[in-house]
Amino acid sequence: QVQLVESGGGLVQAGDSLRLSCAVSGSISSIDALAWYRQAPGKRREHVAGITYGGSTSYTDSVKGRFTVSRDNAKNTMYLQMNSLKPEDTAVYYCVGYGITPPRDYWGQGTQGTVSS
């Protein structure tokens, strides 16, 4: 089994920054890529950013240039640095681990990020 625990959410003003962390534990060797998703009130959950074990990254268009995803494989932790935050970034942020064996997704419990205008 794999466990993912997010932290770092909070309430900030527009233009501020937040740094989210996702600690991965358990059968870590079964995990390859990691990703951040978010879900705003009344909206569908959306992919925000992803990172492979080797460090290749991807971002949804709305966060490019503002968010940076990274991982420290020695600490089994993934990060999401969020700068120039906007009220529309308000959401519950989830981290996801993509398992290889077995091929399944592992989700964290989420952390709330709120941006006031």
N, C-alpha and C. Protein backbone atom coordinates (compact mmCIF):
# COMPACT_ATOMS: atom_id res chain seq x y z
N GLN A 1 0.83 -1.20 0.00
CA GLN A 1 0.00 0.00 0.00
C GLN A 1 0.87 1.25 0.00
N VAL A 2 0.28 2.32 -0.50
CA VAL A 2 0.96 3.62 -0.57
C VAL A 2 0.07 4.65 0.10
N GLN A 3 0.70 5.51 0.88
CA GLN A 3 -0.04 6.59 1.52
C GLN A 3 0.55 7.93 1.07
N LEU A 4 -0.33 8.88 0.80
CA LEU A 4 0.09 10.23 0.42
C LEU A 4 -0.59 11.22 1.34
N VAL A 5 0.18 12.14 1.89
CA VAL A 5 -0.35 13.13 2.82
C VAL A 5 0.07 14.52 2.37
N GLU A 6 -0.93 15.36 2.06
CA GLU A 6 -0.66 16.72 1.64
C GLU A 6 -0.60 17.65 2.85
N SER A 7 0.14 18.74 2.70
CA SER A 7 0.19 19.78 3.71
C SER A 7 0.57 21.08 3.04
N GLY A 8 0.39 22.18 3.77
CA GLY A 8 0.81 23.48 3.27
C GLY A 8 -0.29 24.39 2.78
N GLY A 9 -1.52 23.91 2.78
CA GLY A 9 -2.62 24.76 2.35
C GLY A 9 -2.88 25.88 3.34
N GLY A 10 -3.72 26.82 2.95
CA GLY A 10 -4.04 27.92 3.84
C GLY A 10 -4.80 29.01 3.13
N LEU A 11 -4.95 30.14 3.82
CA LEU A 11 -5.65 31.30 3.29
C LEU A 11 -4.64 32.40 3.00
N VAL A 12 -4.62 32.86 1.75
CA VAL A 12 -3.71 33.93 1.35
C VAL A 12 -4.47 34.94 0.50
N GLN A 13 -3.82 36.06 0.23
CA GLN A 13 -4.43 37.08 -0.62
C GLN A 13 -3.94 36.91 -2.06
N ALA A 14 -4.69 37.47 -2.97
CA ALA A 14 -4.29 37.43 -4.38
C ALA A 14 -2.89 38.01 -4.54
N GLY A 15 -2.08 37.33 -5.32
CA GLY A 15 -0.71 37.75 -5.54
C GLY A 15 0.30 37.08 -4.62
N ASP A 16 -0.19 36.46 -3.56
CA ASP A 16 0.69 35.78 -2.60
C ASP A 16 1.09 34.41 -3.13
N SER A 17 1.87 33.71 -2.30
CA SER A 17 2.37 32.39 -2.66
C SER A 17 2.01 31.36 -1.60
N LEU A 18 1.94 30.11 -2.02
CA LEU A 18 1.79 28.97 -1.13
C LEU A 18 2.68 27.85 -1.65
N ARG A 19 3.16 27.05 -0.73
CA ARG A 19 3.94 25.87 -1.11
C ARG A 19 3.30 24.65 -0.49
N LEU A 20 2.82 23.76 -1.35
CA LEU A 20 2.21 22.52 -0.91
C LEU A 20 3.25 21.41 -0.92
N SER A 21 3.09 20.49 0.01
CA SER A 21 3.95 19.32 0.08
C SER A 21 3.10 18.06 0.05
N CYS A 22 3.65 16.99 -0.50
CA CYS A 22 2.99 15.70 -0.52
C CYS A 22 4.01 14.65 -0.10
N ALA A 23 3.82 14.12 1.09
CA ALA A 23 4.71 13.09 1.61
C ALA A 23 4.20 11.71 1.22
N VAL A 24 5.06 10.91 0.62
CA VAL A 24 4.70 9.58 0.14
C VAL A 24 5.35 8.53 1.04
N SER A 25 4.57 7.56 1.47
CA SER A 25 5.11 6.49 2.32
C SER A 25 4.49 5.16 1.90
N GLY A 26 5.04 4.08 2.43
CA GLY A 26 4.55 2.76 2.09
C GLY A 26 5.39 2.12 0.99
N SER A 27 4.74 1.47 0.06
CA SER A 27 5.43 0.77 -1.02
C SER A 27 5.83 1.78 -2.11
N ILE A 28 6.80 2.60 -1.77
CA ILE A 28 7.18 3.71 -2.63
C ILE A 28 7.75 3.23 -3.95
N SER A 29 8.42 2.08 -3.94
CA SER A 29 9.04 1.58 -5.17
C SER A 29 8.00 1.26 -6.24
N SER A 30 6.73 1.13 -5.86
CA SER A 30 5.69 0.85 -6.84
C SER A 30 5.16 2.11 -7.50
N ILE A 31 5.65 3.26 -7.08
CA ILE A 31 5.16 4.54 -7.60
C ILE A 31 6.13 5.09 -8.64
N ASP A 32 5.60 5.55 -9.77
CA ASP A 32 6.42 6.19 -10.78
C ASP A 32 6.17 7.69 -10.77
N ALA A 33 5.21 8.12 -11.51
CA ALA A 33 4.94 9.56 -11.60
C ALA A 33 4.02 10.01 -10.46
N LEU A 34 4.09 11.29 -10.17
CA LEU A 34 3.23 11.94 -9.18
C LEU A 34 2.55 13.13 -9.84
N ALA A 35 1.45 13.55 -9.27
CA ALA A 35 0.73 14.69 -9.86
C ALA A 35 -0.06 15.42 -8.80
N TRP A 36 -0.40 16.64 -9.12
CA TRP A 36 -1.31 17.45 -8.31
C TRP A 36 -2.61 17.66 -9.10
N TYR A 37 -3.73 17.47 -8.43
CA TYR A 37 -5.04 17.79 -8.96
C TYR A 37 -5.67 18.81 -8.01
N ARG A 38 -6.71 19.46 -8.50
CA ARG A 38 -7.47 20.34 -7.63
C ARG A 38 -8.94 20.29 -7.99
N GLN A 39 -9.77 20.61 -7.01
CA GLN A 39 -11.21 20.67 -7.24
C GLN A 39 -11.77 21.89 -6.54
N ALA A 40 -12.31 22.80 -7.34
CA ALA A 40 -12.95 23.99 -6.82
C ALA A 40 -14.42 23.70 -6.56
N PRO A 41 -15.06 24.48 -5.69
CA PRO A 41 -16.48 24.25 -5.40
C PRO A 41 -17.33 24.29 -6.67
N GLY A 42 -18.12 23.26 -6.87
CA GLY A 42 -19.01 23.21 -8.02
C GLY A 42 -18.35 22.88 -9.33
N LYS A 43 -17.07 22.55 -9.29
CA LYS A 43 -16.35 22.24 -10.53
C LYS A 43 -15.78 20.82 -10.49
N ARG A 44 -15.43 20.35 -11.67
CA ARG A 44 -14.82 19.03 -11.77
C ARG A 44 -13.36 19.08 -11.31
N ARG A 45 -12.90 17.95 -10.84
CA ARG A 45 -11.50 17.86 -10.45
C ARG A 45 -10.63 17.99 -11.71
N GLU A 46 -9.55 18.76 -11.63
CA GLU A 46 -8.70 18.96 -12.79
C GLU A 46 -7.23 18.72 -12.46
N HIS A 47 -6.52 18.26 -13.48
CA HIS A 47 -5.08 18.05 -13.34
C HIS A 47 -4.38 19.41 -13.33
N VAL A 48 -3.46 19.60 -12.41
CA VAL A 48 -2.75 20.87 -12.29
C VAL A 48 -1.32 20.73 -12.80
N ALA A 49 -0.59 19.74 -12.29
CA ALA A 49 0.81 19.55 -12.66
C ALA A 49 1.21 18.12 -12.38
N GLY A 50 2.20 17.65 -13.13
CA GLY A 50 2.69 16.30 -12.91
C GLY A 50 4.19 16.25 -13.04
N ILE A 51 4.79 15.21 -12.46
CA ILE A 51 6.24 15.06 -12.52
C ILE A 51 6.58 13.58 -12.49
N THR A 52 7.48 13.17 -13.40
CA THR A 52 7.91 11.77 -13.44
C THR A 52 9.04 11.55 -12.44
N TYR A 53 9.41 10.28 -12.25
CA TYR A 53 10.52 9.97 -11.35
C TYR A 53 11.80 10.67 -11.81
N GLY A 54 11.96 10.79 -13.12
CA GLY A 54 13.16 11.43 -13.67
C GLY A 54 13.11 12.95 -13.67
N GLY A 55 11.96 13.52 -13.33
CA GLY A 55 11.88 14.96 -13.21
C GLY A 55 11.21 15.69 -14.36
N SER A 56 10.68 14.97 -15.34
CA SER A 56 9.94 15.63 -16.41
C SER A 56 8.62 16.15 -15.86
N THR A 57 8.27 17.38 -16.26
CA THR A 57 7.09 18.02 -15.68
C THR A 57 6.06 18.39 -16.74
N SER A 58 4.83 18.57 -16.30
CA SER A 58 3.74 19.03 -17.16
C SER A 58 2.82 19.90 -16.33
N TYR A 59 2.16 20.86 -17.00
CA TYR A 59 1.28 21.79 -16.30
C TYR A 59 0.03 22.05 -17.14
N THR A 60 -1.06 22.32 -16.45
CA THR A 60 -2.22 22.80 -17.17
C THR A 60 -1.98 24.25 -17.54
N ASP A 61 -2.59 24.70 -18.63
CA ASP A 61 -2.27 26.02 -19.17
C ASP A 61 -2.49 27.15 -18.16
N SER A 62 -3.50 27.04 -17.34
CA SER A 62 -3.86 28.14 -16.46
C SER A 62 -2.83 28.40 -15.36
N VAL A 63 -1.91 27.47 -15.13
CA VAL A 63 -0.92 27.67 -14.06
C VAL A 63 0.50 27.80 -14.60
N LYS A 64 0.68 27.64 -15.89
CA LYS A 64 2.02 27.75 -16.46
C LYS A 64 2.62 29.11 -16.17
N GLY A 65 3.87 29.12 -15.73
CA GLY A 65 4.56 30.35 -15.41
C GLY A 65 4.32 30.82 -13.98
N ARG A 66 3.35 30.22 -13.30
CA ARG A 66 3.06 30.60 -11.91
C ARG A 66 3.34 29.47 -10.92
N PHE A 67 3.09 28.26 -11.33
CA PHE A 67 3.26 27.09 -10.45
C PHE A 67 4.49 26.29 -10.88
N THR A 68 5.16 25.71 -9.91
CA THR A 68 6.30 24.84 -10.19
C THR A 68 6.18 23.56 -9.36
N VAL A 69 6.20 22.43 -10.05
CA VAL A 69 6.16 21.14 -9.36
C VAL A 69 7.58 20.58 -9.28
N SER A 70 7.90 19.98 -8.16
CA SER A 70 9.22 19.37 -7.98
C SER A 70 9.09 18.17 -7.05
N ARG A 71 10.12 17.36 -6.99
CA ARG A 71 10.10 16.22 -6.08
C ARG A 71 11.51 15.98 -5.56
N ASP A 72 11.55 15.50 -4.33
CA ASP A 72 12.82 15.10 -3.71
C ASP A 72 12.70 13.60 -3.46
N ASN A 73 13.29 12.82 -4.34
CA ASN A 73 13.14 11.36 -4.24
C ASN A 73 13.78 10.81 -2.97
N ALA A 74 14.81 11.47 -2.46
CA ALA A 74 15.45 11.02 -1.23
C ALA A 74 14.52 11.19 -0.03
N LYS A 75 13.67 12.22 -0.09
CA LYS A 75 12.72 12.48 1.00
C LYS A 75 11.32 11.95 0.69
N ASN A 76 11.15 11.34 -0.49
CA ASN A 76 9.84 10.81 -0.89
C ASN A 76 8.76 11.88 -0.77
N THR A 77 9.08 13.05 -1.26
CA THR A 77 8.17 14.18 -1.14
C THR A 77 8.07 14.94 -2.46
N MET A 78 6.86 15.35 -2.79
CA MET A 78 6.61 16.19 -3.96
C MET A 78 6.13 17.56 -3.46
N TYR A 79 6.45 18.58 -4.21
CA TYR A 79 6.09 19.94 -3.82
C TYR A 79 5.34 20.63 -4.97
N LEU A 80 4.57 21.62 -4.61
CA LEU A 80 3.95 22.50 -5.59
C LEU A 80 4.11 23.93 -5.09
N GLN A 81 5.00 24.66 -5.73
CA GLN A 81 5.20 26.07 -5.41
C GLN A 81 4.22 26.88 -6.24
N MET A 82 3.35 27.60 -5.58
CA MET A 82 2.31 28.37 -6.26
C MET A 82 2.54 29.85 -6.02
N ASN A 83 2.86 30.57 -7.08
CA ASN A 83 3.11 32.01 -6.99
C ASN A 83 2.03 32.78 -7.73
N SER A 84 1.97 34.07 -7.46
CA SER A 84 1.00 34.95 -8.13
C SER A 84 -0.40 34.35 -8.10
N LEU A 85 -0.81 33.93 -6.93
CA LEU A 85 -2.09 33.23 -6.79
C LEU A 85 -3.25 34.14 -7.11
N LYS A 86 -4.29 33.54 -7.68
CA LYS A 86 -5.51 34.24 -8.06
C LYS A 86 -6.69 33.61 -7.31
N PRO A 87 -7.77 34.36 -7.14
CA PRO A 87 -8.94 33.78 -6.47
C PRO A 87 -9.44 32.50 -7.15
N GLU A 88 -9.28 32.40 -8.45
CA GLU A 88 -9.72 31.19 -9.16
C GLU A 88 -8.83 29.99 -8.90
N ASP A 89 -7.73 30.18 -8.18
CA ASP A 89 -6.91 29.04 -7.76
C ASP A 89 -7.44 28.40 -6.48
N THR A 90 -8.46 29.00 -5.89
CA THR A 90 -9.05 28.45 -4.68
C THR A 90 -9.63 27.06 -4.96
N ALA A 91 -9.19 26.07 -4.20
CA ALA A 91 -9.61 24.69 -4.43
C ALA A 91 -9.03 23.80 -3.34
N VAL A 92 -9.52 22.58 -3.31
CA VAL A 92 -8.86 21.54 -2.53
C VAL A 92 -7.82 20.90 -3.47
N TYR A 93 -6.61 20.84 -3.01
CA TYR A 93 -5.50 20.31 -3.81
C TYR A 93 -5.16 18.90 -3.33
N TYR A 94 -5.10 17.98 -4.30
CA TYR A 94 -4.83 16.57 -4.00
C TYR A 94 -3.53 16.14 -4.69
N CYS A 95 -2.78 15.29 -4.03
CA CYS A 95 -1.66 14.68 -4.73
C CYS A 95 -2.02 13.25 -5.07
N VAL A 96 -1.48 12.78 -6.17
CA VAL A 96 -1.77 11.46 -6.71
C VAL A 96 -0.48 10.76 -7.05
N GLY A 97 -0.41 9.48 -6.72
CA GLY A 97 0.73 8.66 -7.10
C GLY A 97 0.26 7.61 -8.09
N TYR A 98 0.99 7.47 -9.19
CA TYR A 98 0.62 6.51 -10.22
C TYR A 98 1.43 5.23 -9.99
N GLY A 99 0.74 4.19 -9.59
CA GLY A 99 1.40 2.93 -9.30
C GLY A 99 1.71 2.15 -10.57
N ILE A 100 2.84 1.44 -10.50
CA ILE A 100 3.24 0.58 -11.62
C ILE A 100 2.77 -0.85 -11.40
N THR A 101 3.09 -1.37 -10.24
CA THR A 101 2.69 -2.72 -9.89
C THR A 101 2.06 -2.72 -8.50
N PRO A 102 0.77 -2.85 -8.39
CA PRO A 102 -0.21 -2.93 -9.48
C PRO A 102 -0.46 -1.57 -10.12
N PRO A 103 -0.98 -1.55 -11.33
CA PRO A 103 -1.26 -0.28 -12.00
C PRO A 103 -2.53 0.36 -11.45
N ARG A 104 -2.36 1.27 -10.50
CA ARG A 104 -3.50 1.95 -9.90
C ARG A 104 -3.06 3.31 -9.38
N ASP A 105 -4.03 4.16 -9.10
CA ASP A 105 -3.76 5.48 -8.57
C ASP A 105 -3.94 5.49 -7.06
N TYR A 106 -3.12 6.27 -6.39
CA TYR A 106 -3.24 6.48 -4.95
C TYR A 106 -3.46 7.97 -4.71
N TRP A 107 -4.48 8.29 -3.91
CA TRP A 107 -4.84 9.68 -3.68
C TRP A 107 -4.62 10.07 -2.23
N GLY A 108 -4.20 11.32 -2.02
CA GLY A 108 -4.15 11.87 -0.69
C GLY A 108 -5.50 12.39 -0.28
N GLN A 109 -5.59 12.93 0.94
CA GLN A 109 -6.88 13.38 1.46
C GLN A 109 -7.20 14.81 1.05
N GLY A 110 -6.21 15.53 0.52
CA GLY A 110 -6.43 16.89 0.05
C GLY A 110 -6.08 17.95 1.09
N THR A 111 -5.72 19.11 0.59
CA THR A 111 -5.46 20.26 1.44
C THR A 111 -6.10 21.49 0.81
N GLN A 112 -6.74 22.30 1.62
CA GLN A 112 -7.49 23.46 1.11
C GLN A 112 -6.56 24.64 0.88
N GLY A 113 -6.66 25.21 -0.29
CA GLY A 113 -5.97 26.46 -0.58
C GLY A 113 -7.00 27.51 -0.95
N THR A 114 -7.03 28.63 -0.24
CA THR A 114 -8.01 29.67 -0.47
C THR A 114 -7.32 30.99 -0.75
N VAL A 115 -7.70 31.62 -1.85
CA VAL A 115 -7.10 32.89 -2.26
C VAL A 115 -8.18 33.96 -2.25
N SER A 116 -8.01 34.95 -1.41
CA SER A 116 -8.99 36.03 -1.33
C SER A 116 -8.59 37.17 -2.25
N SER A 117 -9.59 37.90 -2.74
CA SER A 117 -9.33 38.99 -3.69
C SER A 117 -9.11 40.31 -2.96
